[in-house]
PDB file of all heavy atoms in Angstrom:
ATOM      1  N   PRO A   1      94.436  92.939 100.081  1.00  0.00           N
ATOM      2  CA  PRO A   1      95.635  92.242  99.664  1.00  0.00           C
ATOM      3  C   PRO A   1      96.963  92.987  99.722  1.00  0.00           C
ATOM      4  O   PRO A   1      96.900  94.233  99.537  1.00  0.00           O
ATOM      5  CB  PRO A   1      95.326  91.834  98.136  1.00  0.00           C
ATOM      6  CG  PRO A   1      93.865  91.962  98.087  1.00  0.00           C
ATOM      7  CD  PRO A   1      93.417  93.054  99.093  1.00  0.00           C
ATOM      8  N   VAL A   2      97.995  92.284  99.990  1.00  0.00           N
ATOM      9  CA  VAL A   2      99.297  92.869 100.039  1.00  0.00           C
ATOM     10  C   VAL A   2      99.883  93.001  98.562  1.00  0.00           C
ATOM     11  O   VAL A   2      99.649  92.096  97.881  1.00  0.00           O
ATOM     12  CB  VAL A   2     100.368  92.058 100.875  1.00  0.00           C
ATOM     13  CG1 VAL A   2     101.765  92.514 100.698  1.00  0.00           C
ATOM     14  CG2 VAL A   2      99.919  92.110 102.384  1.00  0.00           C
ATOM     15  N   GLU A   3     100.415  94.089  98.224  1.00  0.00           N
ATOM     16  CA  GLU A   3     100.872  94.236  96.820  1.00  0.00           C
ATOM     17  C   GLU A   3     102.380  94.685  96.866  1.00  0.00           C
ATOM     18  O   GLU A   3     103.042  94.365  95.857  1.00  0.00           O
ATOM     19  CB  GLU A   3     100.014  95.302  96.015  1.00  0.00           C
ATOM     20  CG  GLU A   3      98.586  94.871  95.880  1.00  0.00           C
ATOM     21  CD  GLU A   3      97.653  95.938  95.178  1.00  0.00           C
ATOM     22  OE1 GLU A   3      98.188  97.133  94.963  1.00  0.00           O
ATOM     23  OE2 GLU A   3      96.585  95.634  95.046  1.00  0.00           O
ATOM     24  N   ASP A   4     102.834  95.310  97.828  1.00  0.00           N
ATOM     25  CA  ASP A   4     104.214  95.780  97.840  1.00  0.00           C
ATOM     26  C   ASP A   4     105.038  94.981  98.984  1.00  0.00           C
ATOM     27  O   ASP A   4     104.658  94.837 100.116  1.00  0.00           O
ATOM     28  CB  ASP A   4     104.117  97.332  98.321  1.00  0.00           C
ATOM     29  CG  ASP A   4     105.527  97.809  98.396  1.00  0.00           C
ATOM     30  OD1 ASP A   4     106.565  97.119  98.026  1.00  0.00           O
ATOM     31  OD2 ASP A   4     105.703  99.057  98.690  1.00  0.00           O
ATOM     32  N   PHE A   5     106.121  94.301  98.568  1.00  0.00           N
ATOM     33  CA  PHE A   5     106.836  93.459  99.383  1.00  0.00           C
ATOM     34  C   PHE A   5     108.150  94.112  99.663  1.00  0.00           C
ATOM     35  O   PHE A   5     109.155  93.415 100.115  1.00  0.00           O
ATOM     36  CB  PHE A   5     107.017  92.093  98.634  1.00  0.00           C
ATOM     37  CG  PHE A   5     105.800  91.172  98.585  1.00  0.00           C
ATOM     38  CD1 PHE A   5     104.948  91.467  97.621  1.00  0.00           C
ATOM     39  CD2 PHE A   5     105.655  90.264  99.505  1.00  0.00           C
ATOM     40  CE1 PHE A   5     103.751  90.713  97.531  1.00  0.00           C
ATOM     41  CE2 PHE A   5     104.488  89.604  99.488  1.00  0.00           C
ATOM     42  CZ  PHE A   5     103.530  89.700  98.538  1.00  0.00           C
ATOM     43  N   GLY A   6     108.211  95.343  99.836  1.00  0.00           N
ATOM     44  CA  GLY A   6     109.362  96.283 100.030  1.00  0.00           C
ATOM     45  C   GLY A   6     109.722  96.220 101.537  1.00  0.00           C
ATOM     46  O   GLY A   6     109.206  95.412 102.367  1.00  0.00           O
ATOM     47  N   PRO A   7     110.691  97.078 101.892  1.00  0.00           N
ATOM     48  CA  PRO A   7     111.181  97.136 103.272  1.00  0.00           C
ATOM     49  C   PRO A   7     110.226  97.525 104.339  1.00  0.00           C
ATOM     50  O   PRO A   7     110.284  97.033 105.501  1.00  0.00           O
ATOM     51  CB  PRO A   7     112.370  98.197 103.117  1.00  0.00           C
ATOM     52  CG  PRO A   7     112.266  98.791 101.842  1.00  0.00           C
ATOM     53  CD  PRO A   7     111.433  97.979 100.974  1.00  0.00           C
ATOM     54  N   ASP A   8     109.202  98.254 104.048  1.00  0.00           N
ATOM     55  CA  ASP A   8     108.152  98.699 104.922  1.00  0.00           C
ATOM     56  C   ASP A   8     107.438  97.289 105.372  1.00  0.00           C
ATOM     57  O   ASP A   8     107.168  97.136 106.539  1.00  0.00           O
ATOM     58  CB  ASP A   8     107.133  99.622 104.337  1.00  0.00           C
ATOM     59  CG  ASP A   8     107.754 101.039 104.178  1.00  0.00           C
ATOM     60  OD1 ASP A   8     108.876 101.326 104.825  1.00  0.00           O
ATOM     61  OD2 ASP A   8     107.143 101.833 103.431  1.00  0.00           O
ATOM     62  N   LEU A   9     107.098  96.435 104.460  1.00  0.00           N
ATOM     63  CA  LEU A   9     106.359  95.145 104.790  1.00  0.00           C
ATOM     64  C   LEU A   9     107.362  94.348 105.664  1.00  0.00           C
ATOM     65  O   LEU A   9     106.848  93.728 106.610  1.00  0.00           O
ATOM     66  CB  LEU A   9     105.936  94.401 103.514  1.00  0.00           C
ATOM     67  CG  LEU A   9     105.225  93.169 103.778  1.00  0.00           C
ATOM     68  CD1 LEU A   9     103.845  93.386 104.348  1.00  0.00           C
ATOM     69  CD2 LEU A   9     105.067  92.412 102.511  1.00  0.00           C
ATOM     70  N   GLN A  10     108.528  94.256 105.260  1.00  0.00           N
ATOM     71  CA  GLN A  10     109.492  93.364 106.105  1.00  0.00           C
ATOM     72  C   GLN A  10     109.548  93.952 107.458  1.00  0.00           C
ATOM     73  O   GLN A  10     109.652  93.070 108.420  1.00  0.00           O
ATOM     74  CB  GLN A  10     110.810  93.398 105.371  1.00  0.00           C
ATOM     75  CG  GLN A  10     110.930  92.869 103.949  1.00  0.00           C
ATOM     76  CD  GLN A  10     110.080  91.549 103.711  1.00  0.00           C
ATOM     77  OE1 GLN A  10     110.491  90.588 104.518  1.00  0.00           O
ATOM     78  NE2 GLN A  10     109.299  91.500 102.773  1.00  0.00           N
ATOM     79  N   LYS A  11     109.566  95.281 107.724  1.00  0.00           N
ATOM     80  CA  LYS A  11     109.648  95.696 109.045  1.00  0.00           C
ATOM     81  C   LYS A  11     108.313  95.374 109.889  1.00  0.00           C
ATOM     82  O   LYS A  11     108.334  94.913 110.991  1.00  0.00           O
ATOM     83  CB  LYS A  11     109.729  97.188 109.074  1.00  0.00           C
ATOM     84  CG  LYS A  11     109.787  97.743 110.450  1.00  0.00           C
ATOM     85  CD  LYS A  11     110.125  99.205 110.571  1.00  0.00           C
ATOM     86  CE  LYS A  11     110.161  99.770 111.928  1.00  0.00           C
ATOM     87  NZ  LYS A  11     109.718  99.051 112.996  1.00  0.00           N
ATOM     88  N   ILE A  12     107.222  95.495 109.157  1.00  0.00           N
ATOM     89  CA  ILE A  12     105.837  95.047 109.799  1.00  0.00           C
ATOM     90  C   ILE A  12     105.900  93.608 110.256  1.00  0.00           C
ATOM     91  O   ILE A  12     105.527  93.295 111.306  1.00  0.00           O
ATOM     92  CB  ILE A  12     104.754  95.369 108.797  1.00  0.00           C
ATOM     93  CG1 ILE A  12     104.479  96.823 108.540  1.00  0.00           C
ATOM     94  CG2 ILE A  12     103.490  94.651 109.371  1.00  0.00           C
ATOM     95  CD1 ILE A  12     103.509  97.203 107.482  1.00  0.00           C
ATOM     96  N   ILE A  13     106.440  92.697 109.271  1.00  0.00           N
ATOM     97  CA  ILE A  13     106.481  91.242 109.617  1.00  0.00           C
ATOM     98  C   ILE A  13     107.365  91.143 110.780  1.00  0.00           C
ATOM     99  O   ILE A  13     106.918  90.418 111.755  1.00  0.00           O
ATOM    100  CB  ILE A  13     106.935  90.506 108.401  1.00  0.00           C
ATOM    101  CG1 ILE A  13     105.972  90.537 107.317  1.00  0.00           C
ATOM    102  CG2 ILE A  13     107.300  89.124 108.728  1.00  0.00           C
ATOM    103  CD1 ILE A  13     106.377  90.073 105.934  1.00  0.00           C
ATOM    104  N   ASP A  14     108.529  91.697 110.829  1.00  0.00           N
ATOM    105  CA  ASP A  14     109.425  91.595 112.005  1.00  0.00           C
ATOM    106  C   ASP A  14     108.780  92.031 113.256  1.00  0.00           C
ATOM    107  O   ASP A  14     108.877  91.382 114.345  1.00  0.00           O
ATOM    108  CB  ASP A  14     110.727  92.306 111.770  1.00  0.00           C
ATOM    109  CG  ASP A  14     111.623  91.554 110.626  1.00  0.00           C
ATOM    110  OD1 ASP A  14     111.425  90.398 110.344  1.00  0.00           O
ATOM    111  OD2 ASP A  14     112.495  92.273 110.006  1.00  0.00           O
ATOM    112  N   ASP A  15     108.067  93.222 113.236  1.00  0.00           N
ATOM    113  CA  ASP A  15     107.438  93.710 114.420  1.00  0.00           C
ATOM    114  C   ASP A  15     106.285  92.864 114.811  1.00  0.00           C
ATOM    115  O   ASP A  15     106.097  92.608 116.071  1.00  0.00           O
ATOM    116  CB  ASP A  15     106.886  95.137 114.059  1.00  0.00           C
ATOM    117  CG  ASP A  15     108.042  96.136 113.941  1.00  0.00           C
ATOM    118  OD1 ASP A  15     109.209  95.860 114.339  1.00  0.00           O
ATOM    119  OD2 ASP A  15     107.745  97.240 113.499  1.00  0.00           O
ATOM    120  N   MET A  16     105.623  92.286 113.800  1.00  0.00           N
ATOM    121  CA  MET A  16     104.514  91.271 114.266  1.00  0.00           C
ATOM    122  C   MET A  16     105.133  90.041 114.951  1.00  0.00           C
ATOM    123  O   MET A  16     104.483  89.604 115.962  1.00  0.00           O
ATOM    124  CB  MET A  16     103.733  90.861 112.954  1.00  0.00           C
ATOM    125  CG  MET A  16     102.774  92.055 112.591  1.00  0.00           C
ATOM    126  SD  MET A  16     101.895  91.553 111.002  1.00  0.00           S
ATOM    127  CE  MET A  16     100.917  90.191 111.484  1.00  0.00           C
ATOM    128  N   TYR A  17     106.187  89.498 114.501  1.00  0.00           N
ATOM    129  CA  TYR A  17     106.781  88.330 115.182  1.00  0.00           C
ATOM    130  C   TYR A  17     107.165  88.687 116.595  1.00  0.00           C
ATOM    131  O   TYR A  17     106.922  87.981 117.546  1.00  0.00           O
ATOM    132  CB  TYR A  17     107.963  87.831 114.345  1.00  0.00           C
ATOM    133  CG  TYR A  17     107.634  86.784 113.361  1.00  0.00           C
ATOM    134  CD1 TYR A  17     107.984  87.078 112.043  1.00  0.00           C
ATOM    135  CD2 TYR A  17     106.971  85.629 113.584  1.00  0.00           C
ATOM    136  CE1 TYR A  17     107.760  86.209 110.987  1.00  0.00           C
ATOM    137  CE2 TYR A  17     106.749  84.686 112.598  1.00  0.00           C
ATOM    138  CZ  TYR A  17     107.051  84.980 111.268  1.00  0.00           C
ATOM    139  OH  TYR A  17     106.775  84.103 110.289  1.00  0.00           O
ATOM    140  N   GLU A  18     107.811  89.865 116.655  1.00  0.00           N
ATOM    141  CA  GLU A  18     108.251  90.335 118.016  1.00  0.00           C
ATOM    142  C   GLU A  18     107.046  90.479 118.921  1.00  0.00           C
ATOM    143  O   GLU A  18     107.118  90.058 120.158  1.00  0.00           O
ATOM    144  CB  GLU A  18     109.009  91.606 118.014  1.00  0.00           C
ATOM    145  CG  GLU A  18     109.590  92.006 119.317  1.00  0.00           C
ATOM    146  CD  GLU A  18     110.461  93.220 119.284  1.00  0.00           C
ATOM    147  OE1 GLU A  18     110.686  93.817 118.134  1.00  0.00           O
ATOM    148  OE2 GLU A  18     110.968  93.760 120.338  1.00  0.00           O
ATOM    149  N   THR A  19     105.953  91.046 118.517  1.00  0.00           N
ATOM    150  CA  THR A  19     104.795  91.298 119.231  1.00  0.00           C
ATOM    151  C   THR A  19     104.126  89.979 119.636  1.00  0.00           C
ATOM    152  O   THR A  19     103.792  89.779 120.805  1.00  0.00           O
ATOM    153  CB  THR A  19     103.776  92.122 118.515  1.00  0.00           C
ATOM    154  OG1 THR A  19     104.451  93.477 118.211  1.00  0.00           O
ATOM    155  CG2 THR A  19     102.510  92.432 119.234  1.00  0.00           C
ATOM    156  N   MET A  20     104.041  88.998 118.678  1.00  0.00           N
ATOM    157  CA  MET A  20     103.424  87.725 118.893  1.00  0.00           C
ATOM    158  C   MET A  20     104.224  86.947 120.000  1.00  0.00           C
ATOM    159  O   MET A  20     103.695  86.421 120.924  1.00  0.00           O
ATOM    160  CB  MET A  20     103.478  86.871 117.662  1.00  0.00           C
ATOM    161  CG  MET A  20     102.911  85.426 117.774  1.00  0.00           C
ATOM    162  SD  MET A  20     103.097  84.498 116.307  1.00  0.00           S
ATOM    163  CE  MET A  20     104.859  84.161 116.411  1.00  0.00           C
ATOM    164  N   TYR A  21     105.671  86.907 119.964  1.00  0.00           N
ATOM    165  CA  TYR A  21     106.363  86.239 120.894  1.00  0.00           C
ATOM    166  C   TYR A  21     106.322  86.910 122.285  1.00  0.00           C
ATOM    167  O   TYR A  21     106.170  86.191 123.339  1.00  0.00           O
ATOM    168  CB  TYR A  21     107.882  86.116 120.425  1.00  0.00           C
ATOM    169  CG  TYR A  21     108.070  85.195 119.296  1.00  0.00           C
ATOM    170  CD1 TYR A  21     108.729  85.639 118.223  1.00  0.00           C
ATOM    171  CD2 TYR A  21     107.617  83.838 119.373  1.00  0.00           C
ATOM    172  CE1 TYR A  21     109.049  84.709 117.141  1.00  0.00           C
ATOM    173  CE2 TYR A  21     107.807  82.999 118.336  1.00  0.00           C
ATOM    174  CZ  TYR A  21     108.521  83.413 117.199  1.00  0.00           C
ATOM    175  OH  TYR A  21     108.739  82.549 116.118  1.00  0.00           O
ATOM    176  N   ASP A  22     106.293  88.183 122.367  1.00  0.00           N
ATOM    177  CA  ASP A  22     106.242  88.967 123.618  1.00  0.00           C
ATOM    178  C   ASP A  22     104.821  88.734 124.275  1.00  0.00           C
ATOM    179  O   ASP A  22     104.828  88.714 125.471  1.00  0.00           O
ATOM    180  CB  ASP A  22     106.400  90.481 123.297  1.00  0.00           C
ATOM    181  CG  ASP A  22     106.422  91.279 124.620  1.00  0.00           C
ATOM    182  OD1 ASP A  22     107.513  91.170 125.411  1.00  0.00           O
ATOM    183  OD2 ASP A  22     105.416  91.906 124.884  1.00  0.00           O
ATOM    184  N   SER A  23     103.851  88.482 123.565  1.00  0.00           N
ATOM    185  CA  SER A  23     102.536  88.250 124.008  1.00  0.00           C
ATOM    186  C   SER A  23     102.202  86.757 124.269  1.00  0.00           C
ATOM    187  O   SER A  23     101.099  86.317 124.647  1.00  0.00           O
ATOM    188  CB  SER A  23     101.395  88.728 123.089  1.00  0.00           C
ATOM    189  OG  SER A  23     101.633  90.148 122.921  1.00  0.00           O
ATOM    190  N   HIS A  24     103.229  85.811 123.995  1.00  0.00           N
ATOM    191  CA  HIS A  24     103.002  84.493 124.125  1.00  0.00           C
ATOM    192  C   HIS A  24     101.873  83.793 123.273  1.00  0.00           C
ATOM    193  O   HIS A  24     101.148  82.913 123.716  1.00  0.00           O
ATOM    194  CB  HIS A  24     102.886  84.010 125.611  1.00  0.00           C
ATOM    195  CG  HIS A  24     103.971  84.588 126.480  1.00  0.00           C
ATOM    196  ND1 HIS A  24     105.209  84.245 126.539  1.00  0.00           N
ATOM    197  CD2 HIS A  24     103.916  85.670 127.308  1.00  0.00           C
ATOM    198  CE1 HIS A  24     105.877  84.840 127.354  1.00  0.00           C
ATOM    199  NE2 HIS A  24     105.142  85.822 127.888  1.00  0.00           N
ATOM    200  N   GLY A  25     101.885  84.316 122.033  1.00  0.00           N
ATOM    201  CA  GLY A  25     100.799  83.897 121.113  1.00  0.00           C
ATOM    202  C   GLY A  25     101.423  82.802 120.128  1.00  0.00           C
ATOM    203  O   GLY A  25     102.652  82.767 119.999  1.00  0.00           O
ATOM    204  N   ALA A  26     100.545  82.183 119.431  1.00  0.00           N
ATOM    205  CA  ALA A  26     101.039  81.151 118.402  1.00  0.00           C
ATOM    206  C   ALA A  26     100.849  81.718 116.923  1.00  0.00           C
ATOM    207  O   ALA A  26     101.359  81.257 116.059  1.00  0.00           O
ATOM    208  CB  ALA A  26     100.144  79.871 118.608  1.00  0.00           C
ATOM    209  N   GLY A  27     100.135  82.873 116.943  1.00  0.00           N
ATOM    210  CA  GLY A  27      99.922  83.494 115.641  1.00  0.00           C
ATOM    211  C   GLY A  27      99.304  84.903 115.802  1.00  0.00           C
ATOM    212  O   GLY A  27      98.848  85.243 116.937  1.00  0.00           O
TER     213      GLY A  27
END
């Protein structure tokens, strides 16, 4: 489970979106 919603998590989320779009994925 995620417990910390700080800036490190926000960067991970942004990087995951960028990776998903670059790979033409839906999730």
